[in-house]
Protein backbone atom coordinates (compact mmCIF):
# COMPACT_ATOMS: atom_id res chain seq x y z
CA MET A 1 27.39 -47.42 -20.61
CA THR A 2 28.30 -44.11 -22.22
CA PRO A 3 26.53 -40.81 -21.44
CA VAL A 4 24.61 -39.52 -24.44
CA SER A 5 26.31 -36.46 -25.92
CA GLY A 6 24.18 -33.76 -27.47
CA VAL A 7 21.34 -34.30 -24.98
CA VAL A 8 20.66 -31.51 -22.51
CA ALA A 9 19.97 -33.32 -19.24
CA ASP A 10 17.82 -31.80 -16.51
CA SER A 11 19.19 -31.46 -12.98
CA ALA A 12 17.62 -34.76 -11.93
CA ASN A 13 19.29 -36.65 -14.76
CA PRO A 14 22.87 -35.47 -15.24
CA ASP A 15 25.10 -37.38 -17.61
CA VAL A 16 27.79 -37.74 -14.93
CA VAL A 17 27.73 -37.72 -11.12
CA LEU A 18 30.98 -37.22 -9.24
CA VAL A 19 30.89 -38.26 -5.58
CA GLY A 20 33.35 -36.35 -3.42
CA GLY A 21 34.80 -32.86 -3.73
CA GLY A 22 38.51 -33.73 -3.71
CA ILE A 23 41.34 -33.52 -6.21
CA MET A 24 40.27 -36.67 -8.11
CA SER A 25 36.73 -35.48 -8.86
CA ALA A 26 38.01 -31.98 -9.62
CA THR A 27 40.53 -33.40 -12.09
CA LEU A 28 37.95 -35.62 -13.78
CA ALA A 29 35.52 -32.70 -14.09
CA SER A 30 38.25 -30.67 -15.80
CA LEU A 31 39.16 -33.49 -18.19
CA LEU A 32 35.51 -34.01 -19.11
CA GLY A 33 35.32 -30.30 -19.86
CA ILE A 34 37.92 -30.91 -22.57
CA VAL A 35 36.76 -34.18 -24.12
CA ALA A 36 32.98 -33.99 -23.51
CA PRO A 37 32.01 -30.34 -22.90
CA ASP A 38 28.36 -31.04 -23.74
CA TRP A 39 27.91 -33.60 -20.96
CA SER A 40 26.15 -32.37 -17.84
CA VAL A 41 28.15 -33.01 -14.66
CA THR A 42 27.00 -32.84 -11.05
CA VAL A 43 29.27 -33.05 -7.99
CA PHE A 44 28.10 -34.04 -4.51
CA GLU A 45 30.36 -33.22 -1.53
CA SER A 46 29.27 -34.08 2.01
CA GLY A 47 31.34 -31.37 3.68
CA SER A 48 30.71 -27.65 3.91
CA ALA A 49 33.27 -26.97 1.19
CA VAL A 50 35.28 -28.87 -1.39
CA ALA A 51 38.81 -30.08 -0.56
CA GLY A 52 38.01 -30.59 3.11
CA GLU A 53 39.44 -34.07 3.58
CA SER A 54 42.65 -35.57 2.12
CA SER A 55 43.01 -32.81 -0.48
CA ASP A 56 43.20 -30.11 2.20
CA ALA A 57 46.69 -28.61 2.40
CA TRP A 58 47.16 -29.52 6.07
CA ASN A 59 45.94 -33.09 5.50
CA ASN A 60 48.77 -34.15 3.17
CA ALA A 61 52.47 -33.47 2.77
CA GLY A 62 52.01 -31.53 -0.49
CA THR A 63 55.20 -33.04 -1.81
CA GLY A 64 54.26 -33.10 -5.45
CA HIS A 65 55.35 -36.75 -5.51
CA ALA A 66 57.78 -37.11 -8.37
CA ALA A 67 60.00 -39.82 -6.79
CA LEU A 68 62.79 -37.27 -6.49
CA CYS A 69 63.23 -37.88 -2.76
CA GLU A 70 60.91 -40.74 -1.71
CA LEU A 71 63.23 -43.67 -1.07
CA ASN A 72 60.47 -46.31 -0.94
CA TYR A 73 60.06 -45.87 -4.72
CA THR A 74 63.66 -46.98 -5.32
CA PRO A 75 64.14 -50.33 -3.56
CA ALA A 76 67.53 -52.04 -3.51
CA GLY A 77 67.80 -55.71 -4.43
CA PRO A 78 69.81 -58.38 -2.61
CA ASP A 79 72.85 -57.41 -4.67
CA GLY A 80 72.54 -53.75 -3.67
CA ARG A 81 71.44 -52.58 -7.09
CA VAL A 82 68.58 -50.10 -7.16
CA ASP A 83 65.60 -50.59 -9.48
CA PRO A 84 64.53 -47.16 -10.82
CA SER A 85 61.41 -48.38 -12.69
CA LYS A 86 58.78 -47.35 -10.12
CA ALA A 87 60.43 -43.97 -9.63
CA VAL A 88 60.45 -43.40 -13.39
CA THR A 89 56.75 -44.29 -13.64
CA ILE A 90 55.73 -41.96 -10.82
CA ASN A 91 57.86 -39.08 -12.12
CA GLU A 92 56.33 -39.57 -15.57
CA GLN A 93 52.85 -39.38 -14.04
CA PHE A 94 53.70 -36.18 -12.21
CA GLN A 95 54.93 -34.64 -15.46
CA VAL A 96 51.50 -35.44 -16.92
CA SER A 97 49.89 -33.52 -14.04
CA ARG A 98 52.20 -30.55 -14.63
CA GLN A 99 51.31 -30.49 -18.33
CA PHE A 100 47.59 -30.52 -17.60
CA TRP A 101 47.85 -27.80 -14.97
CA SER A 102 49.88 -25.71 -17.43
CA HIS A 103 47.18 -26.16 -20.06
CA LEU A 104 44.50 -24.97 -17.65
CA VAL A 105 46.57 -21.93 -16.65
CA ARG A 106 47.03 -20.99 -20.30
CA SER A 107 43.31 -21.54 -20.88
CA GLY A 108 42.40 -18.95 -18.27
CA MET A 109 42.08 -20.78 -14.95
CA THR A 110 41.90 -17.92 -12.48
CA GLY A 111 44.58 -17.26 -9.93
CA SER A 112 48.34 -17.41 -10.15
CA PRO A 113 50.14 -20.78 -10.41
CA LYS A 114 51.99 -19.71 -7.27
CA ASP A 115 48.67 -20.09 -5.45
CA PHE A 116 49.04 -23.86 -5.72
CA ILE A 117 52.59 -24.80 -6.78
CA THR A 118 56.00 -23.43 -5.82
CA PRO A 119 59.57 -24.67 -6.38
CA VAL A 120 61.11 -26.42 -3.36
CA PRO A 121 64.23 -28.64 -3.57
CA HIS A 122 63.66 -32.32 -2.78
CA VAL A 123 66.37 -34.05 -0.74
CA SER A 124 66.88 -37.70 0.23
CA PHE A 125 68.95 -38.08 3.40
CA VAL A 126 70.44 -41.19 5.03
CA THR A 127 72.95 -41.99 7.76
CA GLY A 128 75.36 -44.88 8.34
CA GLU A 129 77.64 -46.78 6.01
CA ALA A 130 74.84 -48.98 4.62
CA GLY A 131 72.79 -45.85 3.95
CA ARG A 132 75.69 -44.22 2.13
CA ARG A 133 76.17 -47.25 -0.12
CA TYR A 134 72.47 -47.36 -0.89
CA MET A 135 72.32 -43.64 -1.65
CA LYS A 136 75.18 -43.88 -4.14
CA ALA A 137 73.52 -46.86 -5.84
CA ARG A 138 70.23 -44.97 -5.96
CA TYR A 139 71.89 -41.91 -7.46
CA ASP A 140 73.67 -44.00 -10.09
CA ALA A 141 70.38 -45.65 -11.07
CA LEU A 142 68.39 -42.40 -11.28
CA ALA A 143 71.05 -40.13 -12.78
CA ALA A 144 71.05 -42.33 -15.89
CA GLN A 145 67.33 -41.57 -16.42
CA PRO A 146 66.43 -38.45 -18.46
CA LEU A 147 63.58 -37.60 -16.07
CA PHE A 148 66.07 -37.25 -13.22
CA ALA A 149 68.66 -35.13 -15.04
CA GLY A 150 70.28 -32.58 -12.77
CA MET A 151 70.05 -34.65 -9.60
CA GLU A 152 73.02 -34.07 -7.27
CA HIS A 153 74.72 -36.46 -4.84
CA THR A 154 77.05 -35.89 -1.89
CA ASP A 155 78.35 -37.57 1.24
CA ASP A 156 80.28 -34.45 2.27
CA PRO A 157 78.90 -32.98 5.53
CA SER A 158 80.05 -29.48 4.55
CA VAL A 159 77.97 -29.61 1.37
CA LEU A 160 74.99 -30.94 3.28
CA ALA A 161 75.37 -28.10 5.76
CA GLN A 162 74.63 -25.80 2.82
CA TRP A 163 71.75 -27.89 1.43
CA ILE A 164 69.97 -28.64 4.72
CA PRO A 165 71.49 -26.57 7.55
CA LEU A 166 68.72 -27.30 10.04
CA VAL A 167 69.24 -31.05 9.65
CA MET A 168 73.03 -30.82 9.94
CA ASP A 169 73.28 -28.27 12.76
CA GLY A 170 74.39 -30.06 15.94
CA ARG A 171 74.96 -33.40 14.25
CA ASP A 172 77.96 -35.52 15.26
CA PRO A 173 80.74 -34.55 12.78
CA GLU A 174 81.85 -38.20 12.68
CA GLU A 175 78.42 -39.49 11.63
CA VAL A 176 78.33 -40.97 8.12
CA VAL A 177 75.78 -39.08 6.02
CA ALA A 178 74.75 -39.02 2.37
CA ALA A 179 72.07 -37.35 0.28
CA THR A 180 70.74 -36.56 -3.15
CA ARG A 181 69.10 -33.28 -4.11
CA SER A 182 66.88 -32.17 -6.97
CA VAL A 183 66.13 -28.49 -7.35
CA ALA A 184 63.27 -29.48 -9.69
CA GLY A 185 61.07 -30.41 -6.72
CA THR A 186 57.86 -28.62 -5.80
CA ASP A 187 55.42 -27.98 -2.97
CA VAL A 188 51.79 -28.34 -4.06
CA ASN A 189 48.76 -26.98 -2.24
CA PHE A 190 46.27 -29.58 -3.42
CA GLY A 191 43.46 -27.91 -1.50
CA GLU A 192 43.84 -24.65 -3.38
CA LEU A 193 44.33 -26.50 -6.67
CA THR A 194 41.10 -28.44 -6.06
CA ARG A 195 39.19 -25.22 -5.39
CA LEU A 196 40.58 -23.62 -8.54
CA LEU A 197 39.68 -26.64 -10.66
CA PHE A 198 36.11 -26.73 -9.36
CA ALA A 199 35.70 -22.96 -9.78
CA ASP A 200 36.88 -23.29 -13.37
CA SER A 201 34.49 -26.21 -13.98
CA ALA A 202 31.57 -24.35 -12.36
CA ARG A 203 32.05 -21.50 -14.84
CA ARG A 204 31.53 -24.08 -17.60
CA GLY A 205 28.29 -25.28 -16.04
CA VAL A 206 29.36 -28.08 -13.69
CA ALA A 207 27.00 -28.13 -10.69
CA VAL A 208 28.98 -28.40 -7.44
CA HIS A 209 26.85 -29.12 -4.36
CA THR A 210 28.20 -29.14 -0.79
CA HIS A 211 26.49 -30.49 2.37
CA GLN A 212 25.21 -33.36 0.20
CA ARG A 213 26.09 -36.90 1.32
CA VAL A 214 25.51 -39.76 -1.11
CA ARG A 215 23.79 -42.53 0.84
CA GLU A 216 22.94 -45.14 -1.81
CA LEU A 217 23.97 -46.20 -5.29
CA GLU A 218 21.50 -48.56 -6.98
CA ARG A 219 21.50 -49.93 -10.50
CA GLU A 220 18.19 -49.53 -12.32
CA PRO A 221 16.79 -51.83 -15.02
CA ASP A 222 17.60 -49.36 -17.81
CA GLY A 223 21.29 -49.33 -16.81
CA ARG A 224 21.24 -45.93 -15.13
CA TRP A 225 22.40 -45.40 -11.56
CA LYS A 226 19.96 -44.14 -8.96
CA VAL A 227 21.93 -41.86 -6.63
CA THR A 228 20.27 -41.12 -3.30
CA VAL A 229 21.61 -38.00 -1.61
CA GLU A 230 20.91 -36.53 1.83
CA ASP A 231 21.32 -32.88 2.80
CA THR A 232 23.56 -32.99 5.89
CA ARG A 233 21.90 -29.89 7.37
CA SER A 234 18.20 -30.56 6.85
CA GLY A 235 18.15 -34.30 6.29
CA GLU A 236 16.16 -33.69 3.11
CA PRO A 237 16.61 -36.46 0.53
CA LEU A 238 17.34 -36.01 -3.15
CA VAL A 239 17.36 -38.62 -5.90
CA VAL A 240 19.11 -38.24 -9.25
CA ARG A 241 19.65 -40.70 -12.06
CA THR A 242 22.76 -40.80 -14.17
CA ARG A 243 24.52 -42.89 -16.79
CA PHE A 244 27.97 -42.65 -15.17
CA VAL A 245 29.15 -42.39 -11.54
CA PHE A 246 32.65 -41.74 -10.26
CA VAL A 247 33.22 -42.36 -6.56
CA GLY A 248 36.15 -40.16 -5.61
CA ALA A 249 35.27 -39.90 -1.95
CA GLY A 250 38.65 -40.83 -0.46
CA GLY A 251 38.14 -43.22 2.44
CA GLY A 252 34.39 -43.02 1.80
CA ALA A 253 34.76 -44.67 -1.60
CA LEU A 254 34.90 -48.27 -0.35
CA PRO A 255 31.50 -48.26 1.45
CA LEU A 256 29.77 -46.63 -1.51
CA LEU A 257 31.23 -49.07 -4.03
CA GLN A 258 30.11 -51.89 -1.73
CA LYS A 259 26.58 -50.44 -1.75
CA ALA A 260 26.69 -50.34 -5.53
CA ALA A 261 27.25 -54.13 -5.32
CA ILE A 262 29.45 -54.29 -8.40
CA PRO A 263 31.37 -57.58 -8.73
CA GLU A 264 34.68 -55.73 -9.12
CA ILE A 265 34.65 -54.56 -5.48
CA ARG A 266 34.34 -58.07 -4.06
CA GLY A 267 37.29 -59.03 -1.89
CA PHE A 268 38.40 -55.44 -1.32
CA GLY A 269 38.70 -54.06 2.18
CA GLY A 270 40.25 -51.04 3.80
CA PHE A 271 42.52 -50.36 6.76
CA PRO A 272 42.30 -46.78 8.14
CA VAL A 273 45.41 -45.02 9.47
CA SER A 274 45.49 -41.54 10.96
CA GLY A 275 48.44 -39.26 10.22
CA MET A 276 49.90 -36.74 12.64
CA PHE A 277 52.71 -34.23 12.16
CA LEU A 278 54.78 -31.90 14.30
CA ARG A 279 54.55 -28.37 12.94
CA THR A 280 56.47 -25.16 13.48
CA SER A 281 56.10 -21.70 11.98
CA SER A 282 59.20 -20.30 13.69
CA PRO A 283 60.77 -17.85 11.20
CA GLU A 284 64.24 -18.81 12.44
CA LEU A 285 63.68 -22.52 11.82
CA VAL A 286 61.89 -22.03 8.51
CA SER A 287 64.72 -19.83 7.22
CA LYS A 288 67.16 -22.71 7.85
CA HIS A 289 65.14 -25.33 6.00
CA GLN A 290 64.12 -24.45 2.46
CA ALA A 291 63.58 -28.02 1.25
CA LYS A 292 61.65 -31.25 1.62
CA VAL A 293 63.84 -33.94 3.14
CA TYR A 294 62.88 -37.62 3.15
CA GLY A 295 64.68 -40.30 5.15
CA GLN A 296 64.36 -44.06 5.40
CA ALA A 297 61.70 -46.01 7.25
CA ALA A 298 62.92 -48.02 10.25
CA VAL A 299 63.62 -51.69 9.63
CA GLY A 300 60.31 -53.57 9.62
CA ALA A 301 58.21 -50.40 9.47
CA PRO A 302 55.70 -49.89 6.60
CA PRO A 303 56.28 -47.38 3.76
CA MET A 304 53.76 -44.98 5.32
CA SER A 305 56.22 -44.40 8.18
CA VAL A 306 58.98 -42.77 6.11
CA PRO A 307 60.12 -39.72 8.13
CA HIS A 308 60.24 -36.41 6.32
CA LEU A 309 60.75 -32.74 7.14
CA ASP A 310 58.81 -30.60 4.69
CA LEU A 311 58.77 -26.92 3.91
CA ARG A 312 55.14 -25.92 3.32
CA LEU A 313 53.68 -22.75 1.84
CA ILE A 314 50.01 -22.54 2.76
CA ASP A 315 47.86 -19.41 2.55
CA GLY A 316 50.96 -17.28 2.14
CA ASP A 317 52.69 -18.56 5.30
CA HIS A 318 55.74 -20.82 5.55
CA SER A 319 55.79 -23.72 8.00
CA LEU A 320 57.73 -26.92 8.58
CA LEU A 321 56.04 -30.29 9.05
CA PHE A 322 57.79 -33.34 10.47
CA GLY A 323 56.34 -36.82 10.56
CA PRO A 324 54.35 -38.81 10.02
CA TYR A 325 53.32 -40.21 13.35
CA ALA A 326 50.65 -42.84 12.87
CA GLY A 327 47.47 -43.13 14.86
CA PHE A 328 44.43 -45.33 14.57
CA SER A 329 40.77 -44.56 14.19
CA PRO A 330 38.06 -46.78 12.69
CA LYS A 331 36.83 -43.75 10.74
CA PHE A 332 37.39 -43.78 6.97
CA LEU A 333 37.27 -39.96 6.82
CA LYS A 334 38.17 -37.31 9.39
CA ALA A 335 34.49 -36.44 9.44
CA GLY A 336 33.46 -40.09 9.24
CA SER A 337 31.80 -42.53 11.64
CA MET A 338 33.35 -44.75 14.30
CA PHE A 339 31.42 -47.58 12.60
CA ASP A 340 33.09 -47.13 9.19
CA LEU A 341 35.58 -49.98 9.62
CA PRO A 342 33.27 -52.62 11.14
CA LEU A 343 30.50 -51.84 8.66
CA SER A 344 32.93 -52.27 5.75
CA VAL A 345 33.55 -55.93 6.66
CA LYS A 346 31.42 -58.10 4.36
CA PRO A 347 31.27 -61.84 3.69
CA ASN A 348 33.09 -61.31 0.38
CA ASN A 349 36.08 -59.48 1.95
CA LEU A 350 36.24 -61.12 5.38
CA GLY A 351 38.93 -63.55 4.19
CA SER A 352 41.06 -60.70 2.84
CA MET A 353 40.70 -58.73 6.07
CA LEU A 354 41.54 -61.69 8.30
CA GLY A 355 44.45 -62.65 6.06
CA VAL A 356 46.01 -59.22 6.44
CA ALA A 357 45.43 -59.31 10.19
CA ARG A 358 47.48 -62.52 10.32
CA THR A 359 50.30 -61.50 7.96
CA GLU A 360 50.85 -57.81 8.70
CA MET A 361 52.26 -58.21 12.19
CA ALA A 362 54.97 -55.61 11.46
CA LEU A 363 52.26 -53.04 10.73
CA THR A 364 50.40 -54.02 13.90
CA ARG A 365 53.52 -53.63 16.03
CA TYR A 366 54.31 -50.33 14.34
CA LEU A 367 50.85 -48.88 15.01
CA ILE A 368 50.81 -50.04 18.63
CA GLY A 369 54.24 -48.48 19.14
CA GLU A 370 53.10 -45.22 17.58
CA LEU A 371 49.95 -45.09 19.69
CA LEU A 372 51.93 -45.65 22.90
CA GLN A 373 54.56 -43.01 22.12
CA SER A 374 54.86 -40.20 24.64
CA ARG A 375 55.35 -36.59 23.61
CA GLY A 376 58.98 -36.94 24.63
CA ALA A 377 59.47 -40.00 22.44
CA ARG A 378 57.96 -38.20 19.47
CA HIS A 379 60.27 -35.28 20.07
CA LYS A 380 63.24 -37.65 20.20
CA SER A 381 62.42 -38.95 16.72
CA LEU A 382 62.29 -35.34 15.53
CA GLN A 383 65.75 -34.75 17.02
CA ALA A 384 67.11 -37.65 14.95
CA PHE A 385 66.30 -35.37 11.98
CA VAL A 386 66.78 -31.97 13.65
CA PRO A 387 69.38 -32.43 16.41
CA ARG A 388 68.83 -29.02 18.04
CA ALA A 389 65.02 -29.12 17.90
CA GLU A 390 63.34 -27.59 20.97
CA GLN A 391 60.06 -29.16 22.03
CA ALA A 392 58.45 -25.78 22.70
CA ASP A 393 58.83 -24.76 19.04
CA TRP A 394 56.66 -27.59 17.70
CA ASP A 395 52.99 -28.49 18.06
CA MET A 396 51.17 -31.67 16.98
CA ILE A 397 48.50 -31.53 14.28
CA THR A 398 46.26 -34.29 12.94
CA ALA A 399 46.46 -34.70 9.20
CA GLY A 400 44.24 -36.64 6.84
CA GLN A 401 42.70 -40.05 7.38
CA ARG A 402 44.07 -42.64 4.95
CA VAL A 403 42.44 -45.95 4.10
CA GLN A 404 45.01 -48.43 2.82
CA VAL A 405 43.72 -50.93 0.26
CA ILE A 406 43.27 -54.57 1.23
CA LYS A 407 42.76 -56.85 -1.73
CA ARG A 408 42.72 -60.53 -2.51
CA ASP A 409 45.85 -61.90 -4.15
CA PRO A 410 44.65 -63.74 -7.29
CA GLY A 411 47.44 -66.30 -6.95
CA SER A 412 47.17 -67.31 -3.32
CA GLY A 413 43.67 -66.07 -2.58
CA LYS A 414 45.01 -64.45 0.59
CA GLY A 415 44.47 -60.84 1.60
CA VAL A 416 47.32 -58.40 0.96
CA LEU A 417 47.78 -54.84 2.16
CA GLN A 418 48.57 -52.42 -0.65
CA PHE A 419 50.26 -49.06 -0.02
CA GLY A 420 49.10 -47.28 -3.14
CA THR A 421 46.01 -46.55 -5.19
CA GLU A 422 43.56 -48.89 -6.92
CA LEU A 423 41.20 -47.85 -9.70
CA ILE A 424 37.98 -49.88 -9.74
CA VAL A 425 35.94 -49.78 -12.97
CA GLY A 426 32.69 -51.63 -13.51
CA SER A 427 32.62 -54.09 -16.41
CA ASP A 428 30.25 -51.95 -18.49
CA GLY A 429 32.09 -48.69 -17.72
CA SER A 430 29.09 -47.08 -16.01
CA ILE A 431 30.74 -46.75 -12.58
CA ALA A 432 34.26 -46.27 -11.28
CA GLY A 433 35.96 -45.45 -8.01
CA LEU A 434 39.40 -44.88 -6.57
CA LEU A 435 40.72 -46.54 -3.42
CA GLY A 436 43.96 -45.99 -1.51
CA ALA A 437 46.40 -43.21 -0.77
CA SER A 438 49.91 -42.10 -1.82
CA PRO A 439 51.02 -41.00 -4.38
CA GLY A 440 47.34 -40.21 -5.11
CA ALA A 441 46.96 -36.46 -5.57
CA SER A 442 50.23 -35.95 -7.44
CA THR A 443 49.24 -38.51 -10.05
CA ALA A 444 45.55 -37.58 -10.21
CA VAL A 445 45.66 -36.64 -13.89
CA SER A 446 47.17 -39.98 -14.92
CA ALA A 447 44.68 -41.84 -12.76
CA MET A 448 41.71 -40.02 -14.32
CA LEU A 449 43.09 -40.48 -17.86
CA THR A 450 43.25 -44.22 -17.15
CA LEU A 451 39.66 -44.04 -15.91
CA LEU A 452 38.51 -42.40 -19.15
CA GLU A 453 40.26 -45.06 -21.22
CA ARG A 454 38.78 -47.94 -19.24
CA ALA A 455 35.27 -46.55 -18.80
CA PHE A 456 34.88 -45.12 -22.33
CA PRO A 457 37.08 -47.25 -24.61
CA ASP A 458 34.84 -46.55 -27.61
CA ARG A 459 35.60 -42.83 -27.37
CA THR A 460 39.35 -42.97 -26.74
CA ASP A 461 40.36 -42.50 -30.40
CA ALA A 462 38.09 -39.49 -30.81
CA TRP A 463 39.33 -37.94 -27.57
CA ARG A 464 43.04 -38.53 -28.21
CA PRO A 465 43.72 -35.31 -30.23
CA LEU A 466 41.96 -33.20 -27.61
CA LEU A 467 43.96 -34.79 -24.81
CA GLN A 468 47.23 -34.47 -26.70
CA GLU A 469 46.56 -30.75 -27.15
CA ALA A 470 46.22 -30.40 -23.37
CA ILE A 471 48.89 -32.99 -22.48
CA PRO A 472 51.54 -33.21 -25.26
CA SER A 473 53.01 -36.44 -23.88
CA TYR A 474 49.64 -38.25 -23.77
CA GLY A 475 50.15 -41.69 -25.29
CA ARG A 476 53.94 -41.31 -25.27
CA LYS A 477 56.68 -41.77 -22.69
CA LEU A 478 58.82 -38.79 -21.79
CA SER A 479 61.43 -41.18 -20.44
CA GLU A 480 61.93 -42.47 -24.01
CA ASP A 481 61.72 -39.13 -25.83
CA PRO A 482 64.38 -36.64 -24.63
CA ALA A 483 63.37 -33.97 -27.13
CA LEU A 484 59.73 -34.01 -26.02
CA LEU A 485 60.82 -34.10 -22.39
CA ALA A 486 62.95 -30.99 -22.85
CA GLU A 487 60.07 -29.20 -24.59
CA VAL A 488 57.53 -30.18 -21.93
CA ARG A 489 59.83 -29.36 -19.03
CA ALA A 490 60.63 -25.90 -20.41
CA ASP A 491 56.95 -25.14 -21.10
CA THR A 492 55.61 -26.26 -17.72
CA THR A 493 58.43 -24.58 -15.82
CA GLN A 494 57.66 -21.26 -17.51
CA THR A 495 53.86 -21.54 -17.37
CA LEU A 496 53.74 -22.66 -13.74
CA GLU A 497 56.38 -20.04 -12.81
CA LEU A 498 58.78 -22.61 -11.37
CA ASN A 499 62.01 -20.77 -12.18
CA GLY A 500 62.76 -20.26 -8.50
């Protein structure tokens, strides 16, 4: 059901309610400001400020996922050939985000682009003869793609000593190594970006409320959604009615969509995983590592376990993060409840949950191993990346809580664990929600454009010119249009001040 344009809604009856104050809701609010500026929009965030959970800078790697260095996006087949298709798709989606952010900067979004995005080379690094063969195959597959133009490859230790001196210092000179590098990589502070997007939306009239937890979503006879909200400080209830709800509450999205009782959420479950990282702000170490370096997950380990050493720029300070180290908590959010996981198990998703419990033994073993790791063992895994790392220079921090999607396989009917994102849209387009994790934030604009197309198909044609003005590649593929790609890349690089 489509919100009625041209009608000034009172505060108890906004056209749109966005649940959650993260990057997804912030992005959708900004897009609605372009295509439907006369719709009234209200945001409810349970925390004391927006961007407090997965969008917070310390709760994610801030990689600006563009598949430049993440090896799990470029799998090798039995014959050793690398399929670049997923990498191309993700890079294309990140280019869409860059275009939209550039549009907002040109339109007057306050603050400098350097407040939320800075250039940082992205490096993929492997060891061993098998790793070297894979890296060359990966480079050959990606270098042929226009989106990955400029990528470099080497298996020369002396070159790598220049690219990533901290990683190479103290390494056995006989060890086989190989890497690719893209200087087009970025570090993104999604927390700051989220705050800027909401501040920009608030100036246009979007109502952003913090300390407000959505407790219930109920469909009313007239098709509207009754949204019951509780003030987390006073306990005072509030009820609003709206024609469209987006649940962008991170790990909290699954329980709310279950309460909405839409058929589309049946069979879906969630598996929470905590992320931890070792962090250092040592000026000496930071000066030797001006890149983001991704390695390969251990054999049998899930994609979430890919080790990486990231340069971060947060609040003006440089740090290095290494991880992730997995932990387990039944909470779906860092500020969630210990009952989140058990309360999410319903008769309609019990089969999916049990199916995953039976089939994902590798994940179970991985998590148990991570939980039992001593501080010394964690430091040893760091030294595999940074041979001369000293334990005293690094401290452990807890990052964001991720809820991996469990869904029912339509073919077999069994539950499968999905390491990605899943957009859920009600059949009548009156409600939508996003489940899952990586590459999430980096592809938020593409995800929310897909939401608009699926929830408001009758308006897509009218909105297309407005969206193409903000995102020149909207409806087209940069990977198939070199001229447009060159134009977009030059514009976003200049506007976002990514010239180094």
